[in-house]
Amino acid sequence: MKNLKLLLAGLVIGLLLGLWFGVNIGREKPIYSNPFADEVVKQKAKQTTSDAIQGTKKALRKSLDD
């Protein structure tokens, strides 16, 4: 009975780790990264940063032209 419990626990842990790694491999991400991380937040941060940089470039060009 003890061996059956160990086998079952090993299978469950292996299944969970396999799913975790498999999702990350399928999404072409690092294996140990969080597969449930929200990509929308990252994309919004990148877009906001890009917009700020573009605005700064425009302001600098305008001030240099004057």
N, C-alpha and C. Protein backbone atom coordinates (compact mmCIF):
# COMPACT_ATOMS: atom_id res chain seq x y z
N MET A 1 0.83 -1.20 0.00
CA MET A 1 0.00 0.00 0.00
C MET A 1 0.87 1.26 0.00
N LYS A 2 1.97 1.20 0.77
CA LYS A 2 2.87 2.36 0.84
C LYS A 2 3.50 2.64 -0.52
N ASN A 3 3.87 1.57 -1.24
CA ASN A 3 4.47 1.74 -2.56
C ASN A 3 3.47 2.34 -3.54
N LEU A 4 2.22 1.97 -3.43
CA LEU A 4 1.18 2.50 -4.31
C LEU A 4 0.99 4.00 -4.08
N LYS A 5 1.02 4.42 -2.82
CA LYS A 5 0.89 5.85 -2.51
C LYS A 5 2.06 6.64 -3.06
N LEU A 6 3.27 6.10 -2.92
CA LEU A 6 4.45 6.78 -3.45
C LEU A 6 4.39 6.87 -4.97
N LEU A 7 3.96 5.80 -5.60
CA LEU A 7 3.84 5.79 -7.06
C LEU A 7 2.81 6.81 -7.52
N LEU A 8 1.69 6.84 -6.86
CA LEU A 8 0.63 7.80 -7.20
C LEU A 8 1.09 9.24 -6.99
N ALA A 9 1.78 9.50 -5.87
CA ALA A 9 2.28 10.86 -5.61
C ALA A 9 3.31 11.25 -6.67
N GLY A 10 4.17 10.34 -7.04
CA GLY A 10 5.17 10.61 -8.07
C GLY A 10 4.53 10.91 -9.42
N LEU A 11 3.49 10.15 -9.75
CA LEU A 11 2.79 10.40 -11.01
C LEU A 11 2.11 11.77 -11.03
N VAL A 12 1.49 12.13 -9.94
CA VAL A 12 0.80 13.42 -9.87
C VAL A 12 1.81 14.57 -9.98
N ILE A 13 2.90 14.48 -9.24
CA ILE A 13 3.93 15.53 -9.29
C ILE A 13 4.54 15.59 -10.68
N GLY A 14 4.83 14.45 -11.26
CA GLY A 14 5.39 14.41 -12.61
C GLY A 14 4.45 14.98 -13.64
N LEU A 15 3.17 14.69 -13.51
CA LEU A 15 2.17 15.22 -14.43
C LEU A 15 2.10 16.75 -14.34
N LEU A 16 2.07 17.27 -13.12
CA LEU A 16 2.00 18.72 -12.94
C LEU A 16 3.24 19.42 -13.49
N LEU A 17 4.41 18.89 -13.20
CA LEU A 17 5.64 19.50 -13.72
C LEU A 17 5.71 19.38 -15.24
N GLY A 18 5.28 18.24 -15.76
CA GLY A 18 5.28 18.05 -17.21
C GLY A 18 4.35 19.03 -17.92
N LEU A 19 3.20 19.28 -17.33
CA LEU A 19 2.27 20.26 -17.92
C LEU A 19 2.86 21.66 -17.87
N TRP A 20 3.47 21.99 -16.72
CA TRP A 20 4.09 23.31 -16.55
C TRP A 20 5.15 23.54 -17.62
N PHE A 21 6.07 22.58 -17.75
CA PHE A 21 7.16 22.71 -18.72
C PHE A 21 6.63 22.64 -20.15
N GLY A 22 5.65 21.79 -20.39
CA GLY A 22 5.10 21.64 -21.73
C GLY A 22 4.42 22.90 -22.24
N VAL A 23 3.70 23.58 -21.37
CA VAL A 23 3.04 24.83 -21.77
C VAL A 23 4.10 25.87 -22.13
N ASN A 24 5.15 25.97 -21.32
CA ASN A 24 6.19 26.94 -21.60
C ASN A 24 6.95 26.61 -22.88
N ILE A 25 7.21 25.35 -23.13
CA ILE A 25 7.89 24.95 -24.37
C ILE A 25 7.00 25.28 -25.56
N GLY A 26 5.72 25.01 -25.44
CA GLY A 26 4.78 25.30 -26.53
C GLY A 26 4.66 26.78 -26.84
N ARG A 27 4.83 27.62 -25.84
CA ARG A 27 4.75 29.06 -26.04
C ARG A 27 6.12 29.68 -26.31
N GLU A 28 7.14 28.83 -26.43
CA GLU A 28 8.52 29.25 -26.70
C GLU A 28 9.02 30.24 -25.65
N LYS A 29 8.79 29.89 -24.39
CA LYS A 29 9.25 30.69 -23.26
C LYS A 29 10.27 29.88 -22.48
N PRO A 30 11.01 30.52 -21.58
CA PRO A 30 11.91 29.75 -20.71
C PRO A 30 11.11 28.72 -19.91
N ILE A 31 11.71 27.56 -19.68
CA ILE A 31 11.00 26.43 -19.06
C ILE A 31 10.46 26.78 -17.68
N TYR A 32 11.23 27.50 -16.88
CA TYR A 32 10.82 27.75 -15.50
C TYR A 32 9.97 29.01 -15.33
N SER A 33 9.61 29.70 -16.42
CA SER A 33 8.79 30.89 -16.27
C SER A 33 7.36 30.51 -15.94
N ASN A 34 6.59 31.49 -15.50
CA ASN A 34 5.20 31.27 -15.11
C ASN A 34 4.33 31.16 -16.35
N PRO A 35 3.73 30.00 -16.60
CA PRO A 35 2.89 29.86 -17.80
C PRO A 35 1.56 30.60 -17.68
N PHE A 36 1.21 31.04 -16.48
CA PHE A 36 -0.05 31.73 -16.27
C PHE A 36 0.12 33.25 -16.22
N ALA A 37 1.33 33.74 -16.50
CA ALA A 37 1.58 35.18 -16.46
C ALA A 37 0.75 35.87 -17.54
N ASP A 38 0.23 37.02 -17.19
CA ASP A 38 -0.62 37.77 -18.11
C ASP A 38 0.24 38.54 -19.09
N GLU A 39 0.18 38.18 -20.35
CA GLU A 39 0.98 38.83 -21.39
C GLU A 39 0.45 40.23 -21.71
N VAL A 40 -0.81 40.47 -21.43
CA VAL A 40 -1.41 41.76 -21.76
C VAL A 40 -0.72 42.87 -20.97
N VAL A 41 -0.40 42.63 -19.72
CA VAL A 41 0.26 43.64 -18.90
C VAL A 41 1.63 43.97 -19.47
N LYS A 42 2.36 42.96 -19.89
CA LYS A 42 3.69 43.19 -20.48
C LYS A 42 3.57 44.00 -21.76
N GLN A 43 2.60 43.65 -22.59
CA GLN A 43 2.42 44.37 -23.85
C GLN A 43 2.04 45.83 -23.62
N LYS A 44 1.18 46.08 -22.64
CA LYS A 44 0.79 47.45 -22.31
C LYS A 44 1.99 48.25 -21.82
N ALA A 45 2.82 47.63 -21.01
CA ALA A 45 4.01 48.32 -20.50
C ALA A 45 4.96 48.66 -21.64
N LYS A 46 5.16 47.73 -22.55
CA LYS A 46 6.03 47.99 -23.71
C LYS A 46 5.46 49.11 -24.56
N GLN A 47 4.16 49.08 -24.79
CA GLN A 47 3.53 50.11 -25.63
C GLN A 47 3.61 51.48 -24.97
N THR A 48 3.37 51.55 -23.69
CA THR A 48 3.44 52.82 -22.97
C THR A 48 4.85 53.38 -23.02
N THR A 49 5.83 52.53 -22.82
CA THR A 49 7.23 52.97 -22.88
C THR A 49 7.57 53.45 -24.28
N SER A 50 7.13 52.72 -25.27
CA SER A 50 7.39 53.11 -26.65
C SER A 50 6.75 54.46 -26.97
N ASP A 51 5.52 54.65 -26.52
CA ASP A 51 4.84 55.93 -26.75
C ASP A 51 5.56 57.09 -26.06
N ALA A 52 6.05 56.85 -24.85
CA ALA A 52 6.77 57.89 -24.12
C ALA A 52 8.06 58.26 -24.84
N ILE A 53 8.75 57.27 -25.35
CA ILE A 53 10.00 57.53 -26.08
C ILE A 53 9.71 58.31 -27.35
N GLN A 54 8.67 57.94 -28.06
CA GLN A 54 8.31 58.65 -29.29
C GLN A 54 7.94 60.11 -28.98
N GLY A 55 7.18 60.33 -27.92
CA GLY A 55 6.82 61.69 -27.53
C GLY A 55 8.04 62.52 -27.16
N THR A 56 8.98 61.90 -26.48
CA THR A 56 10.21 62.60 -26.11
C THR A 56 11.02 62.96 -27.34
N LYS A 57 11.10 62.03 -28.29
CA LYS A 57 11.82 62.31 -29.54
C LYS A 57 11.20 63.49 -30.27
N LYS A 58 9.88 63.51 -30.36
CA LYS A 58 9.19 64.60 -31.05
C LYS A 58 9.45 65.93 -30.36
N ALA A 59 9.38 65.93 -29.04
CA ALA A 59 9.60 67.16 -28.29
C ALA A 59 11.04 67.65 -28.45
N LEU A 60 11.99 66.77 -28.45
CA LEU A 60 13.39 67.16 -28.63
C LEU A 60 13.62 67.72 -30.03
N ARG A 61 13.08 67.05 -31.02
CA ARG A 61 13.24 67.52 -32.41
C ARG A 61 12.61 68.90 -32.57
N LYS A 62 11.43 69.10 -31.97
CA LYS A 62 10.74 70.38 -32.10
C LYS A 62 11.54 71.48 -31.40
N SER A 63 12.10 71.18 -30.23
CA SER A 63 12.88 72.20 -29.52
C SER A 63 14.18 72.50 -30.24
N LEU A 64 14.77 71.54 -30.91
CA LEU A 64 16.00 71.77 -31.64
C LEU A 64 15.75 72.55 -32.94
N ASP A 65 14.58 72.36 -33.54
CA ASP A 65 14.24 73.07 -34.76
C ASP A 65 13.96 74.55 -34.49
N ASP A 66 13.51 74.88 -33.30
CA ASP A 66 13.19 76.29 -32.98
C ASP A 66 14.38 77.08 -32.73
